[in-house]
Amino acid sequence: MPQWRDLLRVYRKLEARGDIRGGRFVAGFAGEQFALPEAIGMLREVRREPLTGETVSLSGADRSSNLAGILTPGAKLPALTGSRLLYRDGFPIRDAGKRAKCNFRDSRCRQ
């Protein structure tokens, strides 16, 4: 895995060429963020969508989707088949029916 400082150098060159965009696109994440130009419009669309109450359950054993505590605030979810993380409208709400995983101030995240 490359060091962040090495990636940052590459990302800034790509940004200067106009291949990617840099900024703060997703709230709740510290530091510089980079995205493809077409992703910016998609992020804006998602932000404007009304909340539907849709719930999605992810397995902790799925390493590609288990980014709780890695990319998001809070504790890591164990990479076990019995570990589940529930999201409602894209906000984490509960870990395996136990305690709330949210530390966000957003009221949509609260139960």
PDB file of N, CA and C in Angstrom:
ATOM      1  N   MET A   1       0.855  -1.170   0.000  1.00  0.00           N
ATOM      2  CA  MET A   1       0.000   0.000   0.000  1.00  0.00           C
ATOM      3  C   MET A   1       0.904   1.237   0.000  1.00  0.00           C
ATOM      4  N   PRO A   2       0.674   2.153  -0.921  1.00  0.00           N
ATOM      5  CA  PRO A   2       1.491   3.377  -0.975  1.00  0.00           C
ATOM      6  C   PRO A   2       1.227   4.284   0.226  1.00  0.00           C
ATOM      7  N   GLN A   3       2.206   5.073   0.565  1.00  0.00           N
ATOM      8  CA  GLN A   3       2.060   6.068   1.620  1.00  0.00           C
ATOM      9  C   GLN A   3       1.125   7.182   1.139  1.00  0.00           C
ATOM     10  N   TRP A   4       0.361   7.783   2.075  1.00  0.00           N
ATOM     11  CA  TRP A   4      -0.567   8.850   1.720  1.00  0.00           C
ATOM     12  C   TRP A   4       0.155  10.016   1.050  1.00  0.00           C
ATOM     13  N   ARG A   5       1.331  10.371   1.546  1.00  0.00           N
ATOM     14  CA  ARG A   5       2.058  11.515   0.970  1.00  0.00           C
ATOM     15  C   ARG A   5       2.398  11.267  -0.498  1.00  0.00           C
ATOM     16  N   ASP A   6       2.681   9.999  -0.865  1.00  0.00           N
ATOM     17  CA  ASP A   6       2.959   9.669  -2.264  1.00  0.00           C
ATOM     18  C   ASP A   6       1.693   9.749  -3.112  1.00  0.00           C
ATOM     19  N   LEU A   7       0.588   9.250  -2.566  1.00  0.00           N
ATOM     20  CA  LEU A   7      -0.690   9.346  -3.270  1.00  0.00           C
ATOM     21  C   LEU A   7      -1.114  10.797  -3.435  1.00  0.00           C
ATOM     22  N   LEU A   8      -0.933  11.583  -2.377  1.00  0.00           N
ATOM     23  CA  LEU A   8      -1.327  12.989  -2.409  1.00  0.00           C
ATOM     24  C   LEU A   8      -0.606  13.731  -3.526  1.00  0.00           C
ATOM     25  N   ARG A   9       0.670  13.452  -3.703  1.00  0.00           N
ATOM     26  CA  ARG A   9       1.442  14.083  -4.782  1.00  0.00           C
ATOM     27  C   ARG A   9       0.831  13.749  -6.152  1.00  0.00           C
ATOM     28  N   VAL A  10       0.485  12.484  -6.351  1.00  0.00           N
ATOM     29  CA  VAL A  10      -0.125  12.052  -7.615  1.00  0.00           C
ATOM     30  C   VAL A  10      -1.495  12.693  -7.792  1.00  0.00           C
ATOM     31  N   TYR A  11      -2.315  12.680  -6.722  1.00  0.00           N
ATOM     32  CA  TYR A  11      -3.657  13.258  -6.794  1.00  0.00           C
ATOM     33  C   TYR A  11      -3.615  14.746  -7.117  1.00  0.00           C
ATOM     34  N   ARG A  12      -2.673  15.452  -6.544  1.00  0.00           N
ATOM     35  CA  ARG A  12      -2.577  16.895  -6.822  1.00  0.00           C
ATOM     36  C   ARG A  12      -2.175  17.159  -8.264  1.00  0.00           C
ATOM     37  N   LYS A  13      -1.321  16.302  -8.830  1.00  0.00           N
ATOM     38  CA  LYS A  13      -0.971  16.434 -10.253  1.00  0.00           C
ATOM     39  C   LYS A  13      -2.190  16.169 -11.125  1.00  0.00           C
ATOM     40  N   LEU A  14      -2.950  15.126 -10.776  1.00  0.00           N
ATOM     41  CA  LEU A  14      -4.174  14.822 -11.532  1.00  0.00           C
ATOM     42  C   LEU A  14      -5.188  15.951 -11.410  1.00  0.00           C
ATOM     43  N   GLU A  15      -5.268  16.560 -10.233  1.00  0.00           N
ATOM     44  CA  GLU A  15      -6.179  17.694 -10.034  1.00  0.00           C
ATOM     45  C   GLU A  15      -5.740  18.892 -10.876  1.00  0.00           C
ATOM     46  N   ALA A  16      -4.443  19.152 -10.926  1.00  0.00           N
ATOM     47  CA  ALA A  16      -3.929  20.273 -11.720  1.00  0.00           C
ATOM     48  C   ALA A  16      -4.215  20.071 -13.210  1.00  0.00           C
ATOM     49  N   ARG A  17      -4.230  18.827 -13.661  1.00  0.00           N
ATOM     50  CA  ARG A  17      -4.543  18.518 -15.062  1.00  0.00           C
ATOM     51  C   ARG A  17      -6.042  18.521 -15.331  1.00  0.00           C
ATOM     52  N   GLY A  18      -6.849  18.533 -14.280  1.00  0.00           N
ATOM     53  CA  GLY A  18      -8.300  18.523 -14.455  1.00  0.00           C
ATOM     54  C   GLY A  18      -8.890  17.127 -14.537  1.00  0.00           C
ATOM     55  N   ASP A  19      -8.103  16.102 -14.244  1.00  0.00           N
ATOM     56  CA  ASP A  19      -8.598  14.723 -14.307  1.00  0.00           C
ATOM     57  C   ASP A  19      -9.445  14.359 -13.098  1.00  0.00           C
ATOM     58  N   ILE A  20      -9.144  14.948 -11.941  1.00  0.00           N
ATOM     59  CA  ILE A  20      -9.925  14.727 -10.729  1.00  0.00           C
ATOM     60  C   ILE A  20     -10.153  16.064 -10.049  1.00  0.00           C
ATOM     61  N   ARG A  21     -11.068  16.067  -9.066  1.00  0.00           N
ATOM     62  CA  ARG A  21     -11.351  17.288  -8.306  1.00  0.00           C
ATOM     63  C   ARG A  21     -10.995  17.061  -6.847  1.00  0.00           C
ATOM     64  N   GLY A  22     -10.452  18.083  -6.219  1.00  0.00           N
ATOM     65  CA  GLY A  22     -10.129  18.024  -4.797  1.00  0.00           C
ATOM     66  C   GLY A  22     -11.048  18.934  -4.027  1.00  0.00           C
ATOM     67  N   GLY A  23     -11.330  18.578  -2.785  1.00  0.00           N
ATOM     68  CA  GLY A  23     -12.188  19.410  -1.954  1.00  0.00           C
ATOM     69  C   GLY A  23     -12.651  18.665  -0.731  1.00  0.00           C
ATOM     70  N   ARG A  24     -13.756  19.119  -0.184  1.00  0.00           N
ATOM     71  CA  ARG A  24     -14.400  18.481   0.971  1.00  0.00           C
ATOM     72  C   ARG A  24     -15.817  18.138   0.530  1.00  0.00           C
ATOM     73  N   PHE A  25     -16.005  16.946   0.019  1.00  0.00           N
ATOM     74  CA  PHE A  25     -17.273  16.555  -0.594  1.00  0.00           C
ATOM     75  C   PHE A  25     -18.221  15.854   0.363  1.00  0.00           C
ATOM     76  N   VAL A  26     -17.678  15.091   1.292  1.00  0.00           N
ATOM     77  CA  VAL A  26     -18.508  14.297   2.194  1.00  0.00           C
ATOM     78  C   VAL A  26     -18.266  14.778   3.625  1.00  0.00           C
ATOM     79  N   ALA A  27     -19.313  15.249   4.278  1.00  0.00           N
ATOM     80  CA  ALA A  27     -19.201  15.742   5.652  1.00  0.00           C
ATOM     81  C   ALA A  27     -18.873  14.597   6.600  1.00  0.00           C
ATOM     82  N   GLY A  28     -18.162  14.928   7.656  1.00  0.00           N
ATOM     83  CA  GLY A  28     -17.843  13.929   8.663  1.00  0.00           C
ATOM     84  C   GLY A  28     -16.498  13.257   8.467  1.00  0.00           C
ATOM     85  N   PHE A  29     -15.827  13.545   7.387  1.00  0.00           N
ATOM     86  CA  PHE A  29     -14.518  12.978   7.111  1.00  0.00           C
ATOM     87  C   PHE A  29     -13.492  14.101   7.108  1.00  0.00           C
ATOM     88  N   ALA A  30     -12.444  13.914   7.860  1.00  0.00           N
ATOM     89  CA  ALA A  30     -11.396  14.932   7.938  1.00  0.00           C
ATOM     90  C   ALA A  30     -10.448  14.800   6.761  1.00  0.00           C
ATOM     91  N   GLY A  31      -9.811  15.899   6.431  1.00  0.00           N
ATOM     92  CA  GLY A  31      -8.767  15.867   5.411  1.00  0.00           C
ATOM     93  C   GLY A  31      -9.268  16.093   4.002  1.00  0.00           C
ATOM     94  N   GLU A  32      -8.299  16.141   3.108  1.00  0.00           N
ATOM     95  CA  GLU A  32      -8.569  16.386   1.699  1.00  0.00           C
ATOM     96  C   GLU A  32      -9.255  15.175   1.074  1.00  0.00           C
ATOM     97  N   GLN A  33     -10.193  15.440   0.180  1.00  0.00           N
ATOM     98  CA  GLN A  33     -10.903  14.375  -0.527  1.00  0.00           C
ATOM     99  C   GLN A  33     -10.747  14.616  -2.021  1.00  0.00           C
ATOM    100  N   PHE A  34     -10.713  13.538  -2.786  1.00  0.00           N
ATOM    101  CA  PHE A  34     -10.580  13.631  -4.232  1.00  0.00           C
ATOM    102  C   PHE A  34     -11.656  12.779  -4.878  1.00  0.00           C
ATOM    103  N   ALA A  35     -12.151  13.245  -6.019  1.00  0.00           N
ATOM    104  CA  ALA A  35     -13.204  12.526  -6.721  1.00  0.00           C
ATOM    105  C   ALA A  35     -13.104  12.801  -8.216  1.00  0.00           C
ATOM    106  N   LEU A  36     -13.652  11.880  -8.997  1.00  0.00           N
ATOM    107  CA  LEU A  36     -13.760  12.119 -10.435  1.00  0.00           C
ATOM    108  C   LEU A  36     -14.776  13.236 -10.654  1.00  0.00           C
ATOM    109  N   PRO A  37     -14.599  14.054 -11.690  1.00  0.00           N
ATOM    110  CA  PRO A  37     -15.534  15.161 -11.914  1.00  0.00           C
ATOM    111  C   PRO A  37     -16.998  14.710 -12.008  1.00  0.00           C
ATOM    112  N   GLU A  38     -17.253  13.559 -12.625  1.00  0.00           N
ATOM    113  CA  GLU A  38     -18.642  13.096 -12.760  1.00  0.00           C
ATOM    114  C   GLU A  38     -19.221  12.643 -11.419  1.00  0.00           C
ATOM    115  N   ALA A  39     -18.384  12.314 -10.449  1.00  0.00           N
ATOM    116  CA  ALA A  39     -18.874  11.901  -9.133  1.00  0.00           C
ATOM    117  C   ALA A  39     -19.442  13.078  -8.355  1.00  0.00           C
ATOM    118  N   ILE A  40     -18.975  14.285  -8.617  1.00  0.00           N
ATOM    119  CA  ILE A  40     -19.441  15.465  -7.889  1.00  0.00           C
ATOM    120  C   ILE A  40     -20.947  15.652  -8.093  1.00  0.00           C
ATOM    121  N   GLY A  41     -21.390  15.538  -9.326  1.00  0.00           N
ATOM    122  CA  GLY A  41     -22.820  15.649  -9.614  1.00  0.00           C
ATOM    123  C   GLY A  41     -23.630  14.563  -8.937  1.00  0.00           C
ATOM    124  N   MET A  42     -23.106  13.348  -8.920  1.00  0.00           N
ATOM    125  CA  MET A  42     -23.812  12.238  -8.268  1.00  0.00           C
ATOM    126  C   MET A  42     -23.918  12.465  -6.760  1.00  0.00           C
ATOM    127  N   LEU A  43     -22.863  12.986  -6.151  1.00  0.00           N
ATOM    128  CA  LEU A  43     -22.912  13.281  -4.720  1.00  0.00           C
ATOM    129  C   LEU A  43     -23.954  14.354  -4.414  1.00  0.00           C
ATOM    130  N   ARG A  44     -24.043  15.353  -5.261  1.00  0.00           N
ATOM    131  CA  ARG A  44     -25.051  16.404  -5.063  1.00  0.00           C
ATOM    132  C   ARG A  44     -26.458  15.851  -5.185  1.00  0.00           C
ATOM    133  N   GLU A  45     -26.673  14.953  -6.166  1.00  0.00           N
ATOM    134  CA  GLU A  45     -27.992  14.341  -6.334  1.00  0.00           C
ATOM    135  C   GLU A  45     -28.395  13.544  -5.103  1.00  0.00           C
ATOM    136  N   VAL A  46     -27.478  12.757  -4.566  1.00  0.00           N
ATOM    137  CA  VAL A  46     -27.763  11.938  -3.388  1.00  0.00           C
ATOM    138  C   VAL A  46     -28.115  12.830  -2.210  1.00  0.00           C
ATOM    139  N   ARG A  47     -27.404  13.936  -2.050  1.00  0.00           N
ATOM    140  CA  ARG A  47     -27.665  14.855  -0.944  1.00  0.00           C
ATOM    141  C   ARG A  47     -29.071  15.443  -1.024  1.00  0.00           C
ATOM    142  N   ARG A  48     -29.574  15.647  -2.216  1.00  0.00           N
ATOM    143  CA  ARG A  48     -30.897  16.284  -2.399  1.00  0.00           C
ATOM    144  C   ARG A  48     -32.055  15.294  -2.345  1.00  0.00           C
ATOM    145  N   GLU A  49     -31.758  13.994  -2.397  1.00  0.00           N
ATOM    146  CA  GLU A  49     -32.831  12.999  -2.377  1.00  0.00           C
ATOM    147  C   GLU A  49     -33.534  13.001  -1.028  1.00  0.00           C
ATOM    148  N   PRO A  50     -34.866  12.838  -1.042  1.00  0.00           N
ATOM    149  CA  PRO A  50     -35.578  12.774   0.238  1.00  0.00           C
ATOM    150  C   PRO A  50     -35.246  11.457   0.957  1.00  0.00           C
ATOM    151  N   LEU A  51     -35.300  11.491   2.286  1.00  0.00           N
ATOM    152  CA  LEU A  51     -35.048  10.287   3.070  1.00  0.00           C
ATOM    153  C   LEU A  51     -36.225   9.338   2.914  1.00  0.00           C
ATOM    154  N   THR A  52     -35.934   8.051   2.700  1.00  0.00           N
ATOM    155  CA  THR A  52     -36.980   7.055   2.470  1.00  0.00           C
ATOM    156  C   THR A  52     -37.139   6.078   3.621  1.00  0.00           C
ATOM    157  N   GLY A  53     -36.159   6.030   4.523  1.00  0.00           N
ATOM    158  CA  GLY A  53     -36.200   5.066   5.615  1.00  0.00           C
ATOM    159  C   GLY A  53     -35.667   3.703   5.207  1.00  0.00           C
ATOM    160  N   GLU A  54     -35.094   3.614   4.012  1.00  0.00           N
ATOM    161  CA  GLU A  54     -34.554   2.342   3.531  1.00  0.00           C
ATOM    162  C   GLU A  54     -33.434   1.860   4.453  1.00  0.00           C
ATOM    163  N   THR A  55     -33.478   0.577   4.808  1.00  0.00           N
ATOM    164  CA  THR A  55     -32.486  -0.022   5.687  1.00  0.00           C
ATOM    165  C   THR A  55     -31.672  -1.047   4.904  1.00  0.00           C
ATOM    166  N   VAL A  56     -30.353  -1.004   5.090  1.00  0.00           N
ATOM    167  CA  VAL A  56     -29.440  -1.944   4.435  1.00  0.00           C
ATOM    168  C   VAL A  56     -28.603  -2.597   5.521  1.00  0.00           C
ATOM    169  N   SER A  57     -28.456  -3.920   5.429  1.00  0.00           N
ATOM    170  CA  SER A  57     -27.665  -4.674   6.393  1.00  0.00           C
ATOM    171  C   SER A  57     -26.412  -5.208   5.704  1.00  0.00           C
ATOM    172  N   LEU A  58     -25.240  -4.968   6.320  1.00  0.00           N
ATOM    173  CA  LEU A  58     -23.977  -5.457   5.772  1.00  0.00           C
ATOM    174  C   LEU A  58     -23.336  -6.425   6.751  1.00  0.00           C
ATOM    175  N   SER A  59     -22.705  -7.463   6.211  1.00  0.00           N
ATOM    176  CA  SER A  59     -21.999  -8.434   7.031  1.00  0.00           C
ATOM    177  C   SER A  59     -20.617  -7.907   7.386  1.00  0.00           C
ATOM    178  N   GLY A  60     -20.223  -8.088   8.620  1.00  0.00           N
ATOM    179  CA  GLY A  60     -18.886  -7.702   9.048  1.00  0.00           C
ATOM    180  C   GLY A  60     -17.811  -8.539   8.375  1.00  0.00           C
ATOM    181  N   ALA A  61     -18.178  -9.735   7.905  1.00  0.00           N
ATOM    182  CA  ALA A  61     -17.208 -10.630   7.263  1.00  0.00           C
ATOM    183  C   ALA A  61     -16.826 -10.155   5.867  1.00  0.00           C
ATOM    184  N   ASP A  62     -17.635  -9.287   5.267  1.00  0.00           N
ATOM    185  CA  ASP A  62     -17.338  -8.763   3.928  1.00  0.00           C
ATOM    186  C   ASP A  62     -16.353  -7.612   4.053  1.00  0.00           C
ATOM    187  N   ARG A  63     -15.092  -7.889   3.875  1.00  0.00           N
ATOM    188  CA  ARG A  63     -14.046  -6.892   4.092  1.00  0.00           C
ATOM    189  C   ARG A  63     -14.178  -5.670   3.179  1.00  0.00           C
ATOM    190  N   SER A  64     -14.733  -5.848   1.994  1.00  0.00           N
ATOM    191  CA  SER A  64     -14.828  -4.705   1.074  1.00  0.00           C
ATOM    192  C   SER A  64     -15.905  -3.711   1.488  1.00  0.00           C
ATOM    193  N   SER A  65     -16.927  -4.162   2.207  1.00  0.00           N
ATOM    194  CA  SER A  65     -17.976  -3.234   2.633  1.00  0.00           C
ATOM    195  C   SER A  65     -17.909  -2.916   4.121  1.00  0.00           C
ATOM    196  N   ASN A  66     -17.086  -3.618   4.868  1.00  0.00           N
ATOM    197  CA  ASN A  66     -16.957  -3.371   6.307  1.00  0.00           C
ATOM    198  C   ASN A  66     -15.898  -2.303   6.545  1.00  0.00           C
ATOM    199  N   LEU A  67     -16.284  -1.063   6.393  1.00  0.00           N
ATOM    200  CA  LEU A  67     -15.369   0.059   6.592  1.00  0.00           C
ATOM    201  C   LEU A  67     -15.705   0.842   7.858  1.00  0.00           C
ATOM    202  N   ALA A  68     -16.573   0.255   8.696  1.00  0.00           N
ATOM    203  CA  ALA A  68     -16.939   0.896   9.962  1.00  0.00           C
ATOM    204  C   ALA A  68     -15.704   1.015  10.838  1.00  0.00           C
ATOM    205  N   GLY A  69     -15.453   2.217  11.321  1.00  0.00           N
ATOM    206  CA  GLY A  69     -14.305   2.464  12.171  1.00  0.00           C
ATOM    207  C   GLY A  69     -13.016   2.675  11.399  1.00  0.00           C
ATOM    208  N   ILE A  70     -13.059   2.461  10.102  1.00  0.00           N
ATOM    209  CA  ILE A  70     -11.893   2.681   9.246  1.00  0.00           C
ATOM    210  C   ILE A  70     -12.086   3.989   8.493  1.00  0.00           C
ATOM    211  N   LEU A  71     -13.165   4.066   7.739  1.00  0.00           N
ATOM    212  CA  LEU A  71     -13.493   5.296   7.020  1.00  0.00           C
ATOM    213  C   LEU A  71     -14.534   6.136   7.733  1.00  0.00           C
ATOM    214  N   THR A  72     -15.214   5.525   8.689  1.00  0.00           N
ATOM    215  CA  THR A  72     -16.259   6.246   9.413  1.00  0.00           C
ATOM    216  C   THR A  72     -15.875   6.356  10.880  1.00  0.00           C
ATOM    217  N   PRO A  73     -16.432   7.340  11.594  1.00  0.00           N
ATOM    218  CA  PRO A  73     -16.137   7.473  13.023  1.00  0.00           C
ATOM    219  C   PRO A  73     -16.679   6.282  13.808  1.00  0.00           C
ATOM    220  N   GLY A  74     -16.097   6.025  14.953  1.00  0.00           N
ATOM    221  CA  GLY A  74     -16.583   4.961  15.825  1.00  0.00           C
ATOM    222  C   GLY A  74     -15.688   3.743  15.821  1.00  0.00           C
ATOM    223  N   ALA A  75     -16.137   2.731  16.540  1.00  0.00           N
ATOM    224  CA  ALA A  75     -15.364   1.498  16.690  1.00  0.00           C
ATOM    225  C   ALA A  75     -15.430   0.649  15.429  1.00  0.00           C
ATOM    226  N   LYS A  76     -14.408  -0.187  15.242  1.00  0.00           N
ATOM    227  CA  LYS A  76     -14.395  -1.120  14.123  1.00  0.00           C
ATOM    228  C   LYS A  76     -15.384  -2.247  14.380  1.00  0.00           C
ATOM    229  N   LEU A  77     -15.961  -2.761  13.311  1.00  0.00           N
ATOM    230  CA  LEU A  77     -16.867  -3.895  13.390  1.00  0.00           C
ATOM    231  C   LEU A  77     -16.041  -5.161  13.167  1.00  0.00           C
ATOM    232  N   PRO A  78     -16.110  -6.146  14.072  1.00  0.00           N
ATOM    233  CA  PRO A  78     -15.323  -7.368  13.886  1.00  0.00           C
ATOM    234  C   PRO A  78     -15.642  -8.040  12.553  1.00  0.00           C
ATOM    235  N   ALA A  79     -14.615  -8.562  11.891  1.00  0.00           N
ATOM    236  CA  ALA A  79     -14.784  -9.225  10.592  1.00  0.00           C
ATOM    237  C   ALA A  79     -15.237 -10.661  10.797  1.00  0.00           C
ATOM    238  N   LEU A  80     -16.419 -10.826  11.369  1.00  0.00           N
ATOM    239  CA  LEU A  80     -16.995 -12.140  11.645  1.00  0.00           C
ATOM    240  C   LEU A  80     -18.328 -12.262  10.933  1.00  0.00           C
ATOM    241  N   THR A  81     -18.706 -13.494  10.590  1.00  0.00           N
ATOM    242  CA  THR A  81     -19.972 -13.682   9.858  1.00  0.00           C
ATOM    243  C   THR A  81     -21.179 -13.248  10.686  1.00  0.00           C
ATOM    244  N   GLY A  82     -21.099 -13.332  11.999  1.00  0.00           N
ATOM    245  CA  GLY A  82     -22.224 -12.924  12.839  1.00  0.00           C
ATOM    246  C   GLY A  82     -22.320 -11.428  13.063  1.00  0.00           C
ATOM    247  N   SER A  83     -21.307 -10.677  12.678  1.00  0.00           N
ATOM    248  CA  SER A  83     -21.322  -9.220  12.855  1.00  0.00           C
ATOM    249  C   SER A  83     -22.099  -8.567  11.730  1.00  0.00           C
ATOM    250  N   ARG A  84     -23.011  -7.697  12.075  1.00  0.00           N
ATOM    251  CA  ARG A  84     -23.818  -6.997  11.076  1.00  0.00           C
ATOM    252  C   ARG A  84     -23.808  -5.516  11.399  1.00  0.00           C
ATOM    253  N   LEU A  85     -23.873  -4.713  10.361  1.00  0.00           N
ATOM    254  CA  LEU A  85     -23.986  -3.268  10.526  1.00  0.00           C
ATOM    255  C   LEU A  85     -25.196  -2.815   9.722  1.00  0.00           C
ATOM    256  N   LEU A  86     -26.099  -2.100  10.373  1.00  0.00           N
ATOM    257  CA  LEU A  86     -27.314  -1.629   9.713  1.00  0.00           C
ATOM    258  C   LEU A  86     -27.195  -0.150   9.388  1.00  0.00           C
ATOM    259  N   TYR A  87     -27.643   0.196   8.193  1.00  0.00           N
ATOM    260  CA  TYR A  87     -27.684   1.589   7.750  1.00  0.00           C
ATOM    261  C   TYR A  87     -29.126   1.949   7.426  1.00  0.00           C
ATOM    262  N   ARG A  88     -29.537   3.143   7.815  1.00  0.00           N
ATOM    263  CA  ARG A  88     -30.832   3.672   7.405  1.00  0.00           C
ATOM    264  C   ARG A  88     -30.572   4.985   6.686  1.00  0.00           C
ATOM    265  N   ASP A  89     -31.019   5.072   5.456  1.00  0.00           N
ATOM    266  CA  ASP A  89     -30.795   6.260   4.624  1.00  0.00           C
ATOM    267  C   ASP A  89     -29.317   6.623   4.549  1.00  0.00           C
ATOM    268  N   GLY A  90     -28.453   5.609   4.551  1.00  0.00           N
ATOM    269  CA  GLY A  90     -27.022   5.828   4.414  1.00  0.00           C
ATOM    270  C   GLY A  90     -26.289   6.140   5.701  1.00  0.00           C
ATOM    271  N   PHE A  91     -27.006   6.197   6.832  1.00  0.00           N
ATOM    272  CA  PHE A  91     -26.386   6.481   8.120  1.00  0.00           C
ATOM    273  C   PHE A  91     -26.332   5.203   8.947  1.00  0.00           C
ATOM    274  N   PRO A  92     -25.175   4.881   9.544  1.00  0.00           N
ATOM    275  CA  PRO A  92     -25.111   3.674  10.381  1.00  0.00           C
ATOM    276  C   PRO A  92     -25.983   3.852  11.615  1.00  0.00           C
ATOM    277  N   ILE A  93     -26.823   2.852  11.903  1.00  0.00           N
ATOM    278  CA  ILE A  93     -27.739   2.989  13.036  1.00  0.00           C
ATOM    279  C   ILE A  93     -27.529   1.938  14.113  1.00  0.00           C
ATOM    280  N   ARG A  94     -27.120   0.733  13.757  1.00  0.00           N
ATOM    281  CA  ARG A  94     -27.015  -0.312  14.777  1.00  0.00           C
ATOM    282  C   ARG A  94     -26.048  -1.393  14.331  1.00  0.00           C
ATOM    283  N   ASP A  95     -25.367  -1.945  15.323  1.00  0.00           N
ATOM    284  CA  ASP A  95     -24.405  -3.016  15.107  1.00  0.00           C
ATOM    285  C   ASP A  95     -24.990  -4.289  15.696  1.00  0.00           C
ATOM    286  N   ALA A  96     -25.390  -5.217  14.851  1.00  0.00           N
ATOM    287  CA  ALA A  96     -25.871  -6.546  15.242  1.00  0.00           C
ATOM    288  C   ALA A  96     -26.966  -6.508  16.307  1.00  0.00           C
ATOM    289  N   GLY A  97     -27.825  -5.477  16.250  1.00  0.00           N
ATOM    290  CA  GLY A  97     -28.916  -5.386  17.211  1.00  0.00           C
ATOM    291  C   GLY A  97     -28.461  -5.046  18.622  1.00  0.00           C
ATOM    292  N   LYS A  98     -27.222  -4.602  18.782  1.00  0.00           N
ATOM    293  CA  LYS A  98     -26.699  -4.319  20.122  1.00  0.00           C
ATOM    294  C   LYS A  98     -26.763  -2.828  20.386  1.00  0.00           C
ATOM    295  N   ARG A  99     -25.668  -2.139  20.253  1.00  0.00           N
ATOM    296  CA  ARG A  99     -25.628  -0.717  20.593  1.00  0.00           C
ATOM    297  C   ARG A  99     -25.566   0.130  19.330  1.00  0.00           C
ATOM    298  N   ALA A 100     -25.982   1.355  19.459  1.00  0.00           N
ATOM    299  CA  ALA A 100     -25.936   2.263  18.316  1.00  0.00           C
ATOM    300  C   ALA A 100     -24.491   2.501  17.911  1.00  0.00           C
ATOM    301  N   LYS A 101     -24.233   2.538  16.607  1.00  0.00           N
ATOM    302  CA  LYS A 101     -22.888   2.778  16.101  1.00  0.00           C
ATOM    303  C   LYS A 101     -22.667   4.246  15.796  1.00  0.00           C
ATOM    304  N   CYS A 102     -23.703   5.041  15.848  1.00  0.00           N
ATOM    305  CA  CYS A 102     -23.604   6.428  15.433  1.00  0.00           C
ATOM    306  C   CYS A 102     -23.006   7.309  16.510  1.00  0.00           C
ATOM    307  N   ASN A 103     -22.095   8.147  16.084  1.00  0.00           N
ATOM    308  CA  ASN A 103     -21.589   9.206  16.939  1.00  0.00           C
ATOM    309  C   ASN A 103     -21.847  10.550  16.277  1.00  0.00           C
ATOM    310  N   PHE A 104     -22.614  10.531  15.219  1.00  0.00           N
ATOM    311  CA  PHE A 104     -22.865  11.744  14.463  1.00  0.00           C
ATOM    312  C   PHE A 104     -23.868  12.620  15.184  1.00  0.00           C
ATOM    313  N   ARG A 105     -23.813  13.888  14.928  1.00  0.00           N
ATOM    314  CA  ARG A 105     -24.772  14.819  15.534  1.00  0.00           C
ATOM    315  C   ARG A 105     -26.064  14.897  14.741  1.00  0.00           C
ATOM    316  N   ASP A 106     -26.076  14.319  13.563  1.00  0.00           N
ATOM    317  CA  ASP A 106     -27.248  14.376  12.688  1.00  0.00           C
ATOM    318  C   ASP A 106     -28.400  13.594  13.325  1.00  0.00           C
ATOM    319  N   SER A 107     -29.557  14.220  13.439  1.00  0.00           N
ATOM    320  CA  SER A 107     -30.704  13.579  14.069  1.00  0.00           C
ATOM    321  C   SER A 107     -31.196  12.380  13.264  1.00  0.00           C
ATOM    322  N   ARG A 108     -30.900  12.331  11.955  1.00  0.00           N
ATOM    323  CA  ARG A 108     -31.327  11.196  11.149  1.00  0.00           C
ATOM    324  C   ARG A 108     -30.595   9.924  11.557  1.00  0.00           C
ATOM    325  N   CYS A 109     -29.491  10.069  12.244  1.00  0.00           N
ATOM    326  CA  CYS A 109     -28.676   8.945  12.653  1.00  0.00           C
ATOM    327  C   CYS A 109     -29.148   8.371  13.985  1.00  0.00           C
ATOM    328  N   ARG A 110     -29.887   9.133  14.743  1.00  0.00           N
ATOM    329  CA  ARG A 110     -30.325   8.704  16.052  1.00  0.00           C
ATOM    330  C   ARG A 110     -31.520   7.779  15.939  1.00  0.00           C
ATOM    331  N   GLN A 111     -31.747   7.002  16.960  1.00  0.00           N
ATOM    332  CA  GLN A 111     -32.832   6.024  16.934  1.00  0.00           C
ATOM    333  C   GLN A 111     -34.069   6.553  17.593  1.00  0.00           C
TER     334      GLN A 111
END
